[in-house]
C-alpha atoms as a PDB file:
ATOM      1  CA  UNK A   1      37.795  -3.950 -44.341  1.00  0.00           C
ATOM      2  CA  UNK A   2      38.647  -6.853 -41.804  1.00  0.00           C
ATOM      3  CA  UNK A   3      37.471  -5.652 -38.280  1.00  0.00           C
ATOM      4  CA  UNK A   4      38.105  -7.616 -35.096  1.00  0.00           C
ATOM      5  CA  UNK A   5      35.417  -8.248 -32.426  1.00  0.00           C
ATOM      6  CA  UNK A   6      37.304  -6.093 -30.118  1.00  0.00           C
ATOM      7  CA  UNK A   7      37.110  -3.329 -32.594  1.00  0.00           C
ATOM      8  CA  UNK A   8      33.430  -4.066 -33.038  1.00  0.00           C
ATOM      9  CA  UNK A   9      32.760  -3.833 -29.279  1.00  0.00           C
ATOM     10  CA  UNK A  10      34.525  -0.656 -28.933  1.00  0.00           C
ATOM     11  CA  UNK A  11      32.679   1.040 -31.897  1.00  0.00           C
ATOM     12  CA  UNK A  12      29.176  -0.088 -31.366  1.00  0.00           C
ATOM     13  CA  UNK A  13      28.076  -2.387 -28.751  1.00  0.00           C
ATOM     14  CA  UNK A  14      29.418  -0.655 -25.628  1.00  0.00           C
ATOM     15  CA  UNK A  15      26.567   1.786 -25.910  1.00  0.00           C
ATOM     16  CA  UNK A  16      23.794  -0.558 -26.918  1.00  0.00           C
ATOM     17  CA  UNK A  17      21.180  -1.186 -24.092  1.00  0.00           C
ATOM     18  CA  UNK A  18      19.926  -4.342 -23.096  1.00  0.00           C
ATOM     19  CA  UNK A  19      21.557  -7.775 -22.366  1.00  0.00           C
ATOM     20  CA  UNK A  20      25.082  -8.784 -23.629  1.00  0.00           C
ATOM     21  CA  UNK A  21      25.057 -11.139 -26.538  1.00  0.00           C
ATOM     22  CA  UNK A  22      27.834 -13.609 -26.242  1.00  0.00           C
ATOM     23  CA  UNK A  23      28.348 -16.014 -29.158  1.00  0.00           C
ATOM     24  CA  UNK A  24      29.867 -19.283 -28.669  1.00  0.00           C
ATOM     25  CA  UNK A  25      31.293 -20.894 -31.701  1.00  0.00           C
ATOM     26  CA  UNK A  26      33.754 -23.695 -32.501  1.00  0.00           C
ATOM     27  CA  UNK A  27      34.036 -27.084 -34.188  1.00  0.00           C
ATOM     28  CA  UNK A  28      31.568 -29.887 -33.833  1.00  0.00           C
ATOM     29  CA  UNK A  29      32.152 -31.826 -30.557  1.00  0.00           C
ATOM     30  CA  UNK A  30      34.332 -29.140 -28.962  1.00  0.00           C
ATOM     31  CA  UNK A  31      32.080 -28.980 -25.895  1.00  0.00           C
ATOM     32  CA  UNK A  32      30.048 -25.748 -26.760  1.00  0.00           C
ATOM     33  CA  UNK A  33      26.790 -27.402 -25.176  1.00  0.00           C
ATOM     34  CA  UNK A  34      28.581 -28.740 -22.261  1.00  0.00           C
ATOM     35  CA  UNK A  35      30.116 -25.388 -21.419  1.00  0.00           C
ATOM     36  CA  UNK A  36      26.851 -23.874 -21.560  1.00  0.00           C
ATOM     37  CA  UNK A  37      25.529 -26.453 -19.182  1.00  0.00           C
ATOM     38  CA  UNK A  38      28.221 -25.633 -16.738  1.00  0.00           C
ATOM     39  CA  UNK A  39      27.983 -21.744 -17.191  1.00  0.00           C
ATOM     40  CA  UNK A  40      24.188 -21.383 -16.729  1.00  0.00           C
ATOM     41  CA  UNK A  41      23.770 -22.588 -13.247  1.00  0.00           C
ATOM     42  CA  UNK A  42      26.965 -20.653 -12.065  1.00  0.00           C
ATOM     43  CA  UNK A  43      25.839 -17.554 -13.732  1.00  0.00           C
ATOM     44  CA  UNK A  44      22.344 -18.017 -12.129  1.00  0.00           C
ATOM     45  CA  UNK A  45      23.924 -18.407  -8.793  1.00  0.00           C
ATOM     46  CA  UNK A  46      25.574 -15.206  -9.051  1.00  0.00           C
ATOM     47  CA  UNK A  47      22.164 -13.494  -9.825  1.00  0.00           C
ATOM     48  CA  UNK A  48      22.582 -13.038 -13.662  1.00  0.00           C
ATOM     49  CA  UNK A  49      19.371 -13.882 -15.674  1.00  0.00           C
ATOM     50  CA  UNK A  50      20.657 -15.690 -18.893  1.00  0.00           C
ATOM     51  CA  UNK A  51      18.843 -17.076 -21.867  1.00  0.00           C
ATOM     52  CA  UNK A  52      20.399 -19.262 -24.728  1.00  0.00           C
ATOM     53  CA  UNK A  53      19.841 -19.500 -28.508  1.00  0.00           C
ATOM     54  CA  UNK A  54      21.184 -22.424 -30.102  1.00  0.00           C
ATOM     55  CA  UNK A  55      21.993 -23.480 -33.624  1.00  0.00           C
ATOM     56  CA  UNK A  56      21.639 -20.017 -34.990  1.00  0.00           C
ATOM     57  CA  UNK A  57      24.552 -17.866 -36.261  1.00  0.00           C
ATOM     58  CA  UNK A  58      22.731 -15.000 -38.244  1.00  0.00           C
ATOM     59  CA  UNK A  59      19.194 -14.667 -37.114  1.00  0.00           C
ATOM     60  CA  UNK A  60      19.186 -11.605 -34.971  1.00  0.00           C
ATOM     61  CA  UNK A  61      15.317 -11.678 -34.712  1.00  0.00           C
ATOM     62  CA  UNK A  62      15.699 -14.455 -31.963  1.00  0.00           C
ATOM     63  CA  UNK A  63      17.996 -12.415 -29.788  1.00  0.00           C
ATOM     64  CA  UNK A  64      15.696  -9.225 -30.336  1.00  0.00           C
ATOM     65  CA  UNK A  65      12.652 -11.175 -29.378  1.00  0.00           C
ATOM     66  CA  UNK A  66      14.246 -12.469 -26.180  1.00  0.00           C
ATOM     67  CA  UNK A  67      15.191  -9.030 -25.445  1.00  0.00           C
ATOM     68  CA  UNK A  68      11.793  -7.648 -25.859  1.00  0.00           C
ATOM     69  CA  UNK A  69      10.056 -10.382 -24.058  1.00  0.00           C
ATOM     70  CA  UNK A  70      12.526 -10.831 -21.060  1.00  0.00           C
ATOM     71  CA  UNK A  71      13.761  -7.106 -20.391  1.00  0.00           C
ATOM     72  CA  UNK A  72      15.437  -8.428 -17.275  1.00  0.00           C
ATOM     73  CA  UNK A  73      17.967 -10.600 -18.981  1.00  0.00           C
ATOM     74  CA  UNK A  74      21.652  -9.861 -18.420  1.00  0.00           C
ATOM     75  CA  UNK A  75      23.148 -12.190 -21.126  1.00  0.00           C
ATOM     76  CA  UNK A  76      22.184 -14.205 -23.994  1.00  0.00           C
ATOM     77  CA  UNK A  77      24.305 -16.916 -25.090  1.00  0.00           C
ATOM     78  CA  UNK A  78      24.172 -17.720 -28.826  1.00  0.00           C
ATOM     79  CA  UNK A  79      25.644 -21.136 -29.492  1.00  0.00           C
ATOM     80  CA  UNK A  80      26.448 -22.055 -33.090  1.00  0.00           C
ATOM     81  CA  UNK A  81      25.432 -25.495 -34.361  1.00  0.00           C
ATOM     82  CA  UNK A  82      29.003 -26.440 -34.778  1.00  0.00           C
ATOM     83  CA  UNK A  83      31.534 -24.577 -37.252  1.00  0.00           C
ATOM     84  CA  UNK A  84      34.753 -25.620 -38.600  1.00  0.00           C
ATOM     85  CA  UNK A  85      38.013 -23.770 -37.827  1.00  0.00           C
ATOM     86  CA  UNK A  86      37.699 -21.509 -40.764  1.00  0.00           C
ATOM     87  CA  UNK A  87      34.122 -20.136 -39.767  1.00  0.00           C
ATOM     88  CA  UNK A  88      33.478 -16.954 -37.987  1.00  0.00           C
ATOM     89  CA  UNK A  89      30.543 -15.740 -36.081  1.00  0.00           C
ATOM     90  CA  UNK A  90      28.089 -12.942 -37.378  1.00  0.00           C
ATOM     91  CA  UNK A  91      29.249  -9.671 -35.445  1.00  0.00           C
ATOM     92  CA  UNK A  92      25.746  -8.235 -36.161  1.00  0.00           C
ATOM     93  CA  UNK A  93      24.225 -10.889 -33.633  1.00  0.00           C
ATOM     94  CA  UNK A  94      26.789 -10.854 -30.835  1.00  0.00           C
ATOM     95  CA  UNK A  95      28.695  -8.297 -28.841  1.00  0.00           C
ATOM     96  CA  UNK A  96      31.368 -10.719 -27.612  1.00  0.00           C
ATOM     97  CA  UNK A  97      32.661 -13.869 -29.368  1.00  0.00           C
ATOM     98  CA  UNK A  98      33.995 -16.884 -27.520  1.00  0.00           C
ATOM     99  CA  UNK A  99      35.682 -19.659 -29.628  1.00  0.00           C
ATOM    100  CA  UNK A 100      35.807 -23.250 -28.097  1.00  0.00           C
ATOM    101  CA  UNK A 101      38.281 -25.824 -29.323  1.00  0.00           C
ATOM    102  CA  UNK A 102      39.215 -29.007 -27.467  1.00  0.00           C
ATOM    103  CA  UNK A 103      42.390 -30.934 -27.000  1.00  0.00           C
ATOM    104  CA  UNK A 104      41.127 -33.957 -28.766  1.00  0.00           C
ATOM    105  CA  UNK A 105      41.467 -31.870 -32.015  1.00  0.00           C
ATOM    106  CA  UNK A 106      45.242 -31.915 -31.551  1.00  0.00           C
ATOM    107  CA  UNK A 107      47.639 -29.475 -29.836  1.00  0.00           C
ATOM    108  CA  UNK A 108      48.393 -27.917 -33.220  1.00  0.00           C
ATOM    109  CA  UNK A 109      45.108 -26.228 -33.553  1.00  0.00           C
ATOM    110  CA  UNK A 110      46.448 -22.715 -32.226  1.00  0.00           C
ATOM    111  CA  UNK A 111      49.420 -23.031 -34.704  1.00  0.00           C
ATOM    112  CA  UNK A 112      46.945 -23.357 -37.633  1.00  0.00           C
ATOM    113  CA  UNK A 113      45.794 -19.730 -36.853  1.00  0.00           C
ATOM    114  CA  UNK A 114      42.141 -20.184 -37.936  1.00  0.00           C
ATOM    115  CA  UNK A 115      39.885 -17.168 -37.724  1.00  0.00           C
ATOM    116  CA  UNK A 116      38.425 -18.359 -34.468  1.00  0.00           C
ATOM    117  CA  UNK A 117      41.415 -18.747 -32.652  1.00  0.00           C
ATOM    118  CA  UNK A 118      42.860 -15.529 -33.881  1.00  0.00           C
ATOM    119  CA  UNK A 119      39.987 -13.251 -33.757  1.00  0.00           C
ATOM    120  CA  UNK A 120      37.564 -14.287 -30.971  1.00  0.00           C
ATOM    121  CA  UNK A 121      37.434 -12.061 -27.971  1.00  0.00           C
ATOM    122  CA  UNK A 122      37.892 -15.356 -25.981  1.00  0.00           C
ATOM    123  CA  UNK A 123      39.551 -18.574 -26.644  1.00  0.00           C
ATOM    124  CA  UNK A 124      38.526 -21.561 -24.718  1.00  0.00           C
ATOM    125  CA  UNK A 125      40.488 -24.715 -24.808  1.00  0.00           C
ATOM    126  CA  UNK A 126      38.044 -27.491 -23.618  1.00  0.00           C
ATOM    127  CA  UNK A 127      38.403 -30.913 -22.472  1.00  0.00           C
ATOM    128  CA  UNK A 128      41.548 -30.500 -20.727  1.00  0.00           C
ATOM    129  CA  UNK A 129      41.228 -33.931 -18.850  1.00  0.00           C
ATOM    130  CA  UNK A 130      41.516 -35.706 -22.179  1.00  0.00           C
ATOM    131  CA  UNK A 131      44.954 -34.288 -22.912  1.00  0.00           C
ATOM    132  CA  UNK A 132      46.908 -37.476 -21.570  1.00  0.00           C
ATOM    133  CA  UNK A 133      44.727 -39.890 -23.625  1.00  0.00           C
ATOM    134  CA  UNK A 134      45.185 -38.070 -26.840  1.00  0.00           C
ATOM    135  CA  UNK A 135      48.958 -37.176 -26.225  1.00  0.00           C
ATOM    136  CA  UNK A 136      48.424 -33.375 -26.043  1.00  0.00           C
ATOM    137  CA  UNK A 137      51.028 -31.252 -24.213  1.00  0.00           C
ATOM    138  CA  UNK A 138      48.667 -28.673 -22.618  1.00  0.00           C
ATOM    139  CA  UNK A 139      51.540 -26.319 -21.669  1.00  0.00           C
ATOM    140  CA  UNK A 140      52.554 -26.297 -25.283  1.00  0.00           C
ATOM    141  CA  UNK A 141      48.942 -25.814 -26.695  1.00  0.00           C
ATOM    142  CA  UNK A 142      48.381 -22.955 -24.129  1.00  0.00           C
ATOM    143  CA  UNK A 143      51.826 -21.319 -25.016  1.00  0.00           C
ATOM    144  CA  UNK A 144      50.867 -21.581 -28.595  1.00  0.00           C
ATOM    145  CA  UNK A 145      47.516 -20.186 -28.260  1.00  0.00           C
ATOM    146  CA  UNK A 146      48.628 -17.232 -26.163  1.00  0.00           C
ATOM    147  CA  UNK A 147      51.445 -16.611 -28.804  1.00  0.00           C
ATOM    148  CA  UNK A 148      48.848 -15.980 -31.584  1.00  0.00           C
ATOM    149  CA  UNK A 149      46.300 -14.079 -29.794  1.00  0.00           C
ATOM    150  CA  UNK A 150      47.857 -10.704 -29.189  1.00  0.00           C
ATOM    151  CA  UNK A 151      47.126 -10.606 -25.485  1.00  0.00           C
ATOM    152  CA  UNK A 152      43.442 -11.662 -25.568  1.00  0.00           C
ATOM    153  CA  UNK A 153      42.414 -14.041 -23.159  1.00  0.00           C
ATOM    154  CA  UNK A 154      42.900 -17.876 -23.272  1.00  0.00           C
ATOM    155  CA  UNK A 155      41.141 -20.229 -20.875  1.00  0.00           C
ATOM    156  CA  UNK A 156      41.799 -23.992 -20.263  1.00  0.00           C
ATOM    157  CA  UNK A 157      38.582 -25.781 -19.075  1.00  0.00           C
ATOM    158  CA  UNK A 158      37.333 -29.297 -18.002  1.00  0.00           C
ATOM    159  CA  UNK A 159      33.613 -28.917 -17.915  1.00  0.00           C
ATOM    160  CA  UNK A 160      32.946 -32.422 -16.305  1.00  0.00           C
ATOM    161  CA  UNK A 161      35.173 -31.239 -13.197  1.00  0.00           C
ATOM    162  CA  UNK A 162      34.450 -27.449 -13.346  1.00  0.00           C
ATOM    163  CA  UNK A 163      38.259 -26.514 -13.876  1.00  0.00           C
ATOM    164  CA  UNK A 164      38.657 -23.085 -15.480  1.00  0.00           C
ATOM    165  CA  UNK A 165      34.859 -22.249 -15.280  1.00  0.00           C
ATOM    166  CA  UNK A 166      35.538 -19.528 -12.453  1.00  0.00           C
ATOM    167  CA  UNK A 167      38.224 -17.802 -14.541  1.00  0.00           C
ATOM    168  CA  UNK A 168      35.936 -18.035 -17.709  1.00  0.00           C
ATOM    169  CA  UNK A 169      32.931 -16.449 -15.747  1.00  0.00           C
ATOM    170  CA  UNK A 170      35.212 -13.587 -14.175  1.00  0.00           C
ATOM    171  CA  UNK A 171      36.422 -12.851 -18.016  1.00  0.00           C
ATOM    172  CA  UNK A 172      32.874 -12.890 -19.319  1.00  0.00           C
ATOM    173  CA  UNK A 173      31.516 -10.776 -16.368  1.00  0.00           C
ATOM    174  CA  UNK A 174      34.430  -8.313 -16.639  1.00  0.00           C
ATOM    175  CA  UNK A 175      34.368  -7.940 -20.482  1.00  0.00           C
ATOM    176  CA  UNK A 176      30.624  -8.157 -21.144  1.00  0.00           C
ATOM    177  CA  UNK A 177      28.912  -6.992 -18.037  1.00  0.00           C
ATOM    178  CA  UNK A 178      31.626  -4.508 -16.988  1.00  0.00           C
ATOM    179  CA  UNK A 179      31.746  -5.622 -13.572  1.00  0.00           C
END
């Protein structure tokens, strides 16, 4: 049975105590680490306690250890080491799945309809600042992404300039912290 992250969230994890676990997956070089580096101080400024696990797609023990040692945590960000467009995240490890692609990979990525693009709770199109240099039409890419995601959110970001980060944080706090 193929189950979407949203169905997983509604079936099991809403009632689970402890910090929300957000999986951050995507191709190598898509900007996952840069995104985390921008998100952490902004989330901390808003009073959230956040921990990060990197390069770990399936080890639930690391998240459980963090929860036990730091019960005040609000969020655990779980960054994968870099997937390809066909990889998916372990739903046993995360409550919410964010998939990051970047414009340098081409504006046809959403049209390829990979599992991360289609099934993640949130799609982030990163490195928007590079679009003119790689001949990507951002409007077309966003339209294509929204068209294949059945109403689930898509956010366009530029980590170096902070563009789209506030929108991303609003979505994450609304959908994972229920605020």
